[in-house]
N, C-alpha and C. Protein backbone atom coordinates (compact mmCIF):
# COMPACT_ATOMS: atom_id res chain seq x y z
N MET A 1 31.80 45.09 -36.79
CA MET A 1 32.54 44.54 -35.75
C MET A 1 33.09 43.01 -36.12
N GLN A 2 33.20 42.98 -37.97
CA GLN A 2 34.30 42.28 -38.76
C GLN A 2 35.48 42.88 -39.16
N ASP A 3 35.50 43.86 -38.76
CA ASP A 3 36.84 45.00 -38.77
C ASP A 3 37.55 44.86 -37.01
N TRP A 4 36.53 44.98 -36.51
CA TRP A 4 37.20 44.69 -35.19
C TRP A 4 38.01 43.38 -34.87
N LEU A 5 37.12 42.51 -35.42
CA LEU A 5 37.69 40.81 -35.76
C LEU A 5 39.14 40.91 -36.17
N ALA A 6 38.94 41.07 -37.35
CA ALA A 6 40.06 41.41 -38.09
C ALA A 6 41.41 41.80 -37.84
N SER A 7 41.22 43.10 -36.92
CA SER A 7 42.09 43.49 -36.05
C SER A 7 42.98 42.78 -35.46
N LEU A 8 42.63 41.89 -34.60
CA LEU A 8 43.03 41.10 -33.46
C LEU A 8 43.96 40.22 -34.33
N SER A 9 45.11 40.19 -33.42
CA SER A 9 45.61 39.23 -33.93
C SER A 9 45.02 37.58 -33.82
N SER A 10 46.15 36.72 -34.79
CA SER A 10 45.20 35.68 -34.71
C SER A 10 44.87 34.62 -33.84
N ARG A 11 45.93 34.86 -32.34
CA ARG A 11 45.69 34.07 -31.09
C ARG A 11 44.48 34.72 -30.18
N GLU A 12 44.22 36.24 -30.06
CA GLU A 12 43.25 36.65 -29.89
C GLU A 12 41.50 36.52 -30.28
N ARG A 13 41.67 36.47 -31.86
CA ARG A 13 40.65 35.92 -32.81
C ARG A 13 40.12 34.67 -32.27
N TYR A 14 40.68 33.56 -32.14
CA TYR A 14 40.81 32.38 -31.59
C TYR A 14 40.11 32.24 -30.02
N MET A 15 40.81 33.18 -29.28
CA MET A 15 40.13 33.37 -28.29
C MET A 15 38.62 33.79 -27.74
N VAL A 16 38.52 34.64 -28.76
CA VAL A 16 37.15 35.60 -28.80
C VAL A 16 36.12 34.27 -29.27
N LEU A 17 36.31 33.83 -30.20
CA LEU A 17 35.71 32.92 -30.77
C LEU A 17 35.18 31.68 -29.86
N ALA A 18 36.33 31.37 -29.41
CA ALA A 18 35.87 30.49 -28.11
C ALA A 18 35.38 30.69 -27.21
N CYS A 19 35.50 32.22 -26.58
CA CYS A 19 34.44 32.45 -25.33
C CYS A 19 33.21 32.63 -26.48
N GLY A 20 32.73 33.08 -27.58
CA GLY A 20 32.00 33.33 -28.15
C GLY A 20 31.09 32.06 -28.24
N ALA A 21 31.86 30.87 -28.88
CA ALA A 21 31.04 29.40 -28.53
C ALA A 21 30.84 29.41 -27.43
N PHE A 22 31.59 29.52 -26.32
CA PHE A 22 31.59 28.78 -24.95
C PHE A 22 29.77 29.54 -24.51
N VAL A 23 29.83 30.79 -24.58
CA VAL A 23 28.68 31.69 -23.99
C VAL A 23 27.07 31.07 -25.17
N VAL A 24 27.64 30.45 -26.44
CA VAL A 24 26.40 30.03 -27.17
C VAL A 24 26.38 29.11 -26.58
N LEU A 25 26.96 27.90 -25.93
CA LEU A 25 26.55 26.36 -25.39
C LEU A 25 26.14 26.71 -24.02
N ALA A 26 26.81 27.44 -23.46
CA ALA A 26 26.00 28.00 -22.00
C ALA A 26 24.34 28.50 -22.17
N LEU A 27 24.59 28.80 -23.42
CA LEU A 27 22.98 29.74 -23.46
C LEU A 27 21.83 28.71 -23.67
N VAL A 28 22.21 27.77 -24.50
CA VAL A 28 21.67 26.68 -25.06
C VAL A 28 21.14 25.92 -24.21
N TRP A 29 21.93 25.60 -23.27
CA TRP A 29 22.13 24.65 -21.68
C TRP A 29 21.07 24.98 -21.05
N ALA A 30 21.53 26.52 -20.68
CA ALA A 30 20.77 27.38 -19.67
C ALA A 30 19.56 27.78 -19.90
N LEU A 31 19.03 27.72 -21.19
CA LEU A 31 17.63 28.21 -21.56
C LEU A 31 16.82 26.86 -22.39
N GLY A 32 17.81 26.26 -22.56
CA GLY A 32 16.90 24.87 -23.27
C GLY A 32 17.14 23.65 -22.99
N VAL A 33 17.94 22.84 -22.37
CA VAL A 33 18.03 21.56 -22.05
C VAL A 33 18.00 21.55 -20.52
N GLN A 34 18.45 22.18 -19.75
CA GLN A 34 18.25 22.13 -18.27
C GLN A 34 17.15 22.55 -17.87
N PRO A 35 16.24 22.85 -18.52
CA PRO A 35 14.32 23.48 -18.31
C PRO A 35 14.33 21.97 -18.43
N LEU A 36 14.44 21.38 -19.60
CA LEU A 36 13.39 20.34 -20.46
C LEU A 36 13.72 19.11 -18.99
N ILE A 37 15.29 18.88 -18.71
CA ILE A 37 15.71 18.05 -17.81
C ILE A 37 14.77 18.25 -16.58
N LYS A 38 14.79 19.27 -15.34
CA LYS A 38 14.07 19.66 -14.60
C LYS A 38 12.43 19.47 -15.08
N GLN A 39 11.89 19.28 -16.38
CA GLN A 39 10.63 19.42 -16.37
C GLN A 39 10.12 17.66 -16.57
N SER A 40 11.41 16.72 -16.87
CA SER A 40 10.70 15.49 -17.22
C SER A 40 11.23 15.07 -15.65
N SER A 41 12.17 15.65 -14.83
CA SER A 41 12.34 14.58 -13.54
C SER A 41 10.83 15.39 -12.34
N GLY A 42 10.65 16.18 -13.04
CA GLY A 42 9.21 16.54 -12.31
C GLY A 42 8.36 15.59 -12.78
N LEU A 43 7.90 15.54 -14.06
CA LEU A 43 6.44 14.96 -14.51
C LEU A 43 7.14 13.25 -14.39
N GLU A 44 8.10 12.63 -13.67
CA GLU A 44 9.05 11.19 -13.19
C GLU A 44 8.46 10.97 -11.84
N GLU A 45 8.59 12.15 -11.10
CA GLU A 45 8.16 12.25 -10.05
C GLU A 45 6.77 11.97 -9.41
N ARG A 46 5.73 12.93 -10.65
CA ARG A 46 4.22 13.28 -10.21
C ARG A 46 3.84 11.44 -10.92
N VAL A 47 4.58 10.99 -11.69
CA VAL A 47 3.85 9.44 -11.92
C VAL A 47 4.02 8.87 -11.03
N ASP A 48 5.19 8.66 -10.29
CA ASP A 48 5.47 8.17 -9.31
C ASP A 48 4.86 7.85 -8.23
N ASN A 49 4.35 9.15 -7.88
CA ASN A 49 3.19 10.00 -6.55
C ASN A 49 1.80 9.30 -7.35
N LYS A 50 1.74 9.57 -8.54
CA LYS A 50 0.02 8.83 -8.89
C LYS A 50 0.11 7.27 -9.25
N ARG A 51 1.59 6.64 -9.16
CA ARG A 51 1.36 4.91 -8.72
C ARG A 51 0.89 4.76 -7.75
N ALA A 52 1.70 5.40 -6.31
CA ALA A 52 1.43 5.40 -5.40
C ALA A 52 0.06 5.45 -4.74
N GLN A 53 -0.41 6.58 -5.20
CA GLN A 53 -2.02 6.66 -4.93
C GLN A 53 -2.98 5.78 -5.34
N LEU A 54 -2.57 5.28 -6.41
CA LEU A 54 -3.20 4.51 -7.18
C LEU A 54 -3.20 3.11 -6.60
N ALA A 55 -1.90 2.97 -6.02
CA ALA A 55 -2.10 1.40 -5.27
C ALA A 55 -2.82 1.66 -3.92
N LEU A 56 -2.66 2.91 -3.84
CA LEU A 56 -3.50 2.93 -2.17
C LEU A 56 -5.13 2.97 -2.13
N MET A 57 -5.51 3.48 -3.41
CA MET A 57 -7.35 3.23 -3.70
C MET A 57 -7.54 2.31 -4.25
N HIS A 58 -6.21 1.12 -4.39
CA HIS A 58 -6.91 -0.16 -5.25
C HIS A 58 -7.25 -1.03 -3.48
N GLU A 59 -6.24 -0.87 -2.67
CA GLU A 59 -6.04 -1.48 -1.30
C GLU A 59 -7.39 -0.92 -0.30
N ARG A 60 -7.55 0.26 -0.69
CA ARG A 60 -8.83 0.96 0.19
C ARG A 60 -9.95 0.11 -0.33
N ALA A 61 -9.93 0.38 -2.04
CA ALA A 61 -11.53 -0.05 -2.46
C ALA A 61 -11.84 -1.99 -1.98
N ALA A 62 -10.38 -2.83 -2.06
CA ALA A 62 -10.52 -3.67 -1.76
C ALA A 62 -11.16 -4.20 -0.47
N GLN A 63 -10.85 -2.83 0.68
CA GLN A 63 -11.34 -2.74 2.50
C GLN A 63 -12.32 -2.52 2.14
N VAL A 64 -13.07 -1.96 1.21
CA VAL A 64 -14.51 -1.53 1.30
C VAL A 64 -15.58 -1.63 0.54
N GLN A 65 -14.98 -2.86 -0.25
CA GLN A 65 -16.14 -3.55 -1.21
C GLN A 65 -17.07 -4.23 -0.23
N PRO A 66 -18.29 -4.12 -0.60
CA PRO A 66 -19.36 -5.20 0.16
C PRO A 66 -19.04 -6.52 -0.32
N GLY A 67 -19.43 -7.32 0.89
CA GLY A 67 -18.50 -8.84 0.69
C GLY A 67 -17.51 -8.91 0.78
N SER A 68 -16.24 -8.26 0.99
CA SER A 68 -15.03 -8.47 0.98
C SER A 68 -14.86 -8.75 2.50
N ALA A 69 -15.20 -8.26 3.84
CA ALA A 69 -15.15 -8.11 5.08
C ALA A 69 -15.96 -9.19 5.82
N GLY A 70 -16.98 -8.69 6.09
CA GLY A 70 -17.74 -9.73 6.82
C GLY A 70 -18.98 -9.97 6.50
N ALA A 71 -19.16 -9.75 5.16
CA ALA A 71 -20.75 -9.93 4.56
C ALA A 71 -20.61 -11.49 4.54
N SER A 72 -20.08 -12.39 4.41
CA SER A 72 -20.42 -13.59 4.31
C SER A 72 -19.79 -14.45 5.97
N GLY A 73 -19.80 -13.65 6.74
CA GLY A 73 -20.02 -13.89 8.19
C GLY A 73 -21.36 -14.62 8.73
N GLY A 74 -21.15 -14.93 9.90
CA GLY A 74 -22.46 -15.75 10.75
C GLY A 74 -23.08 -15.18 10.92
N ASN A 75 -23.39 -13.76 11.14
CA ASN A 75 -23.97 -12.57 11.44
C ASN A 75 -25.21 -12.33 9.98
N SER A 76 -24.77 -12.44 8.77
CA SER A 76 -26.02 -12.46 8.28
C SER A 76 -27.06 -13.05 8.20
N GLY A 77 -27.48 -13.92 9.78
CA GLY A 77 -28.79 -14.36 8.82
C GLY A 77 -29.32 -13.48 10.37
N ASP A 78 -28.75 -12.92 11.01
CA ASP A 78 -29.59 -12.09 12.23
C ASP A 78 -30.67 -11.64 11.78
N SER A 79 -31.53 -11.19 12.73
CA SER A 79 -32.48 -10.29 12.07
C SER A 79 -31.93 -8.74 12.32
N LEU A 80 -32.54 -7.43 11.59
CA LEU A 80 -32.16 -6.70 11.60
C LEU A 80 -31.94 -5.84 13.09
N VAL A 81 -33.11 -5.96 13.56
CA VAL A 81 -33.05 -5.24 14.83
C VAL A 81 -31.77 -5.38 15.98
N VAL A 82 -31.33 -7.01 15.67
CA VAL A 82 -30.22 -7.98 16.21
C VAL A 82 -29.40 -6.70 16.06
N ILE A 83 -28.95 -7.40 14.61
CA ILE A 83 -27.59 -6.18 14.01
C ILE A 83 -27.46 -5.39 14.35
N ILE A 84 -28.80 -4.54 14.51
CA ILE A 84 -28.71 -2.61 14.93
C ILE A 84 -28.14 -2.73 16.23
N ASP A 85 -28.99 -3.42 17.01
CA ASP A 85 -28.71 -3.23 18.44
C ASP A 85 -27.01 -3.59 19.34
N ARG A 86 -26.83 -4.52 18.25
CA ARG A 86 -25.63 -4.98 18.40
C ARG A 86 -24.43 -3.86 18.02
N THR A 87 -24.44 -3.65 16.64
CA THR A 87 -23.62 -2.63 15.79
C THR A 87 -23.73 -1.22 16.51
N THR A 88 -25.06 -1.30 16.92
CA THR A 88 -24.61 0.50 17.76
C THR A 88 -24.29 0.58 19.00
N ARG A 89 -24.37 -0.47 19.86
CA ARG A 89 -23.62 -0.68 21.06
C ARG A 89 -22.14 -0.68 20.92
N GLU A 90 -21.92 -1.35 19.69
CA GLU A 90 -19.95 -1.68 19.22
C GLU A 90 -19.88 0.19 18.95
N LYS A 91 -20.54 0.56 18.49
CA LYS A 91 -19.96 2.28 18.09
C LYS A 91 -20.32 3.38 19.65
N ASP A 92 -20.84 2.55 20.23
CA ASP A 92 -21.41 3.78 21.43
C ASP A 92 -22.40 4.57 21.05
N LEU A 93 -23.41 4.04 19.93
CA LEU A 93 -23.95 4.77 19.51
C LEU A 93 -26.02 4.69 20.13
N ALA A 94 -25.77 3.66 21.05
CA ALA A 94 -26.83 2.89 21.52
C ALA A 94 -27.56 3.87 22.35
N GLY A 95 -26.76 4.77 23.23
CA GLY A 95 -27.74 5.91 24.17
C GLY A 95 -27.73 6.75 22.59
N TYR A 96 -27.78 7.38 21.70
CA TYR A 96 -28.56 8.35 21.17
C TYR A 96 -29.79 7.59 20.33
N LEU A 97 -29.96 6.34 20.13
CA LEU A 97 -31.10 5.48 19.55
C LEU A 97 -32.18 5.52 20.19
N LYS A 98 -32.98 6.22 19.83
CA LYS A 98 -34.56 6.51 20.64
C LYS A 98 -35.54 5.88 20.21
N ARG A 99 -35.80 5.34 18.72
CA ARG A 99 -36.41 4.52 17.72
C ARG A 99 -36.09 3.37 17.05
N ASN A 100 -36.53 2.19 17.71
CA ASN A 100 -36.35 1.15 16.42
C ASN A 100 -37.04 0.19 16.28
N GLN A 101 -37.73 0.50 15.26
CA GLN A 101 -39.03 0.19 14.75
C GLN A 101 -38.95 -0.82 13.61
N PRO A 102 -39.29 -2.30 13.58
CA PRO A 102 -39.18 -3.34 12.01
C PRO A 102 -40.23 -2.41 11.75
N GLU A 103 -40.12 -2.53 9.60
CA GLU A 103 -41.33 -2.66 9.10
C GLU A 103 -40.84 -3.59 8.07
N GLY A 104 -41.78 -4.43 8.40
CA GLY A 104 -41.62 -5.98 7.53
C GLY A 104 -40.34 -6.28 7.91
N ALA A 105 -40.08 -7.41 6.75
CA ALA A 105 -38.78 -8.37 7.35
C ALA A 105 -37.36 -7.81 6.78
N GLN A 106 -37.66 -7.14 6.11
CA GLN A 106 -36.33 -6.44 5.49
C GLN A 106 -35.34 -5.10 5.73
N SER A 107 -36.53 -4.40 6.71
CA SER A 107 -36.66 -2.72 6.56
C SER A 107 -36.94 -2.84 8.43
N VAL A 108 -36.15 -1.62 8.78
CA VAL A 108 -36.36 -0.72 10.06
C VAL A 108 -36.20 0.37 9.81
N ARG A 109 -36.91 1.10 10.48
CA ARG A 109 -36.98 2.57 10.86
C ARG A 109 -36.34 2.82 12.32
N LEU A 110 -35.43 3.90 12.22
CA LEU A 110 -34.57 4.35 13.24
C LEU A 110 -34.56 5.68 13.58
N ARG A 111 -34.24 6.08 14.73
CA ARG A 111 -34.41 7.47 14.75
C ARG A 111 -33.48 7.85 16.13
N PHE A 112 -32.34 8.51 15.86
CA PHE A 112 -31.17 9.00 16.42
C PHE A 112 -31.56 10.69 17.25
N GLU A 113 -30.94 10.85 18.16
CA GLU A 113 -31.21 11.98 18.84
C GLU A 113 -29.98 12.86 19.54
N GLY A 114 -29.12 13.62 18.95
CA GLY A 114 -28.23 14.14 19.36
C GLY A 114 -26.95 13.20 19.41
N ALA A 115 -27.20 12.49 18.28
CA ALA A 115 -25.53 11.36 17.89
C ALA A 115 -24.43 12.10 16.93
N PRO A 116 -22.98 11.59 17.52
CA PRO A 116 -22.13 12.29 16.73
C PRO A 116 -21.81 11.94 15.02
N PHE A 117 -21.91 13.02 14.31
CA PHE A 117 -22.36 12.64 12.90
C PHE A 117 -21.04 11.58 12.52
N ASP A 118 -19.82 11.74 12.33
CA ASP A 118 -18.88 11.34 12.35
C ASP A 118 -19.38 9.77 12.45
N ASP A 119 -19.63 9.45 13.97
CA ASP A 119 -19.80 8.49 14.48
C ASP A 119 -20.65 7.39 13.57
N LEU A 120 -22.12 8.28 13.67
CA LEU A 120 -23.52 7.82 12.82
C LEU A 120 -22.77 7.26 11.27
N VAL A 121 -22.16 8.13 10.91
CA VAL A 121 -21.74 7.84 9.44
C VAL A 121 -20.81 6.63 9.03
N SER A 122 -19.86 6.42 10.14
CA SER A 122 -19.00 5.60 10.30
C SER A 122 -20.00 4.05 10.59
N TRP A 123 -21.01 3.77 11.27
CA TRP A 123 -21.73 3.23 11.43
C TRP A 123 -22.54 2.65 10.29
N LEU A 124 -22.87 3.67 9.61
CA LEU A 124 -23.80 3.09 8.73
C LEU A 124 -22.71 2.51 7.58
N GLY A 125 -22.06 2.87 7.21
CA GLY A 125 -20.77 2.18 6.03
C GLY A 125 -20.31 0.91 6.54
N GLU A 126 -20.23 1.08 7.95
CA GLU A 126 -19.58 -0.83 8.45
C GLU A 126 -21.38 -1.56 7.95
N LEU A 127 -22.38 -0.88 8.37
CA LEU A 127 -23.81 -1.85 7.98
C LEU A 127 -23.75 -1.89 6.23
N SER A 128 -23.26 -1.28 5.88
CA SER A 128 -23.38 -1.44 4.32
C SER A 128 -21.93 -2.54 4.28
N ASP A 129 -21.20 -2.33 4.88
CA ASP A 129 -19.46 -3.41 4.27
C ASP A 129 -20.09 -4.46 4.80
N ARG A 130 -20.34 -4.86 6.06
CA ARG A 130 -20.55 -5.41 6.64
C ARG A 130 -21.74 -6.96 6.29
N TYR A 131 -22.78 -6.00 6.81
CA TYR A 131 -24.26 -6.75 6.49
C TYR A 131 -24.84 -6.26 5.15
N ARG A 132 -24.83 -5.87 4.11
CA ARG A 132 -25.10 -5.30 3.11
C ARG A 132 -26.26 -4.91 3.16
N MET A 133 -26.50 -3.71 4.03
CA MET A 133 -27.67 -3.07 4.45
C MET A 133 -27.57 -1.76 3.58
N THR A 134 -28.49 -1.36 3.19
CA THR A 134 -28.85 0.46 2.53
C THR A 134 -29.62 1.11 3.46
N THR A 135 -28.98 2.18 3.33
CA THR A 135 -29.99 3.33 4.08
C THR A 135 -30.85 3.70 2.58
N VAL A 136 -32.49 3.64 2.87
CA VAL A 136 -33.30 3.57 1.96
C VAL A 136 -33.91 5.11 2.48
N ASN A 137 -34.10 5.54 3.01
CA ASN A 137 -34.45 6.83 3.32
C ASN A 137 -34.00 7.63 4.64
N ALA A 138 -33.18 8.78 4.89
CA ALA A 138 -32.58 9.38 5.63
C ALA A 138 -33.04 10.88 5.74
N THR A 139 -33.34 11.22 6.88
CA THR A 139 -33.46 12.99 7.10
C THR A 139 -32.10 13.09 8.72
N VAL A 140 -31.67 14.48 8.32
CA VAL A 140 -30.51 14.66 9.10
C VAL A 140 -30.62 16.35 9.49
N ASP A 141 -31.19 16.54 11.09
CA ASP A 141 -30.83 17.96 11.42
C ASP A 141 -29.96 17.81 12.29
N GLN A 142 -29.58 18.87 11.97
CA GLN A 142 -27.94 19.37 13.31
C GLN A 142 -28.52 19.33 14.76
N ALA A 143 -27.77 19.12 15.45
CA ALA A 143 -28.34 18.99 16.81
C ALA A 143 -27.12 19.91 17.66
N GLY A 144 -26.78 20.46 16.92
CA GLY A 144 -25.07 21.08 17.79
C GLY A 144 -24.14 20.89 17.05
N ILE A 145 -22.87 21.19 17.68
CA ILE A 145 -21.56 21.37 16.49
C ILE A 145 -21.20 19.68 16.46
N GLY A 146 -20.96 19.02 15.49
CA GLY A 146 -20.96 18.02 15.42
C GLY A 146 -21.88 16.49 15.75
N ARG A 147 -23.27 16.97 16.10
CA ARG A 147 -23.95 16.35 16.44
C ARG A 147 -25.47 16.29 15.75
N VAL A 148 -26.01 15.47 15.26
CA VAL A 148 -27.06 14.98 14.52
C VAL A 148 -28.39 14.68 15.15
N ASN A 149 -29.77 14.84 14.46
CA ASN A 149 -30.93 14.08 15.05
C ASN A 149 -30.94 13.50 13.68
N ALA A 150 -31.35 12.23 13.62
CA ALA A 150 -31.57 11.37 12.49
C ALA A 150 -32.61 10.76 12.46
N SER A 151 -33.19 10.42 11.32
CA SER A 151 -34.20 9.54 11.34
C SER A 151 -33.97 8.97 10.01
N LEU A 152 -33.99 7.22 10.09
CA LEU A 152 -33.26 6.51 8.95
C LEU A 152 -34.27 5.64 8.79
N VAL A 153 -34.60 5.09 7.08
CA VAL A 153 -35.07 3.76 6.89
C VAL A 153 -33.62 2.90 6.09
N ILE A 154 -33.71 1.93 7.52
CA ILE A 154 -32.49 1.26 6.62
C ILE A 154 -32.98 -0.10 6.12
N GLN A 155 -32.92 -0.96 5.20
CA GLN A 155 -32.92 -1.85 4.40
C GLN A 155 -32.31 -2.90 3.77
N ARG A 156 -32.23 -4.42 4.55
CA ARG A 156 -31.05 -5.10 3.51
C ARG A 156 -31.13 -5.26 2.29
N ALA A 157 -29.95 -5.33 1.42
CA ALA A 157 -29.90 -5.57 0.33
C ALA A 157 -30.55 -6.59 -0.29
N GLY A 158 -31.24 -6.04 -1.34
CA GLY A 158 -32.01 -7.26 -2.12
C GLY A 158 -33.55 -7.02 -1.37
N GLY A 159 -33.50 -6.64 -0.38
CA GLY A 159 -34.85 -6.34 0.17
C GLY A 159 -35.93 -5.52 -0.04
């Protein structure tokens, strides 16, 4: 190859060397630098997405923390039976509530039949968030597509 390069005129030799240098630089750019730049911008985008998700999680956590919304409201002095009656009516679950039996001053036993599962879980979350009540015992059986029969014991926090 050196003999071939030596047989070229000086102008041709400079042209071949310049083209060779250009090819080497293009390969370094295409195989080394450009993938690093793409990876870096992809990582920056992922970080931005994760920050947005974290901010959303902080916002949602503030909404669902006990005591953040209505736990300090005037309803906390009502009896468990009254709160359960009112909230099941608000969530359209009253028609599925077949049994509402107090067990002492701080807990109540409930029986739902054919209740929509999603509505029941949402209602239990509201009891926890707004009224600081917890589900102590739960037995849930499927009663159709999206429907359940549930026996629950609900207790006021600290009770």
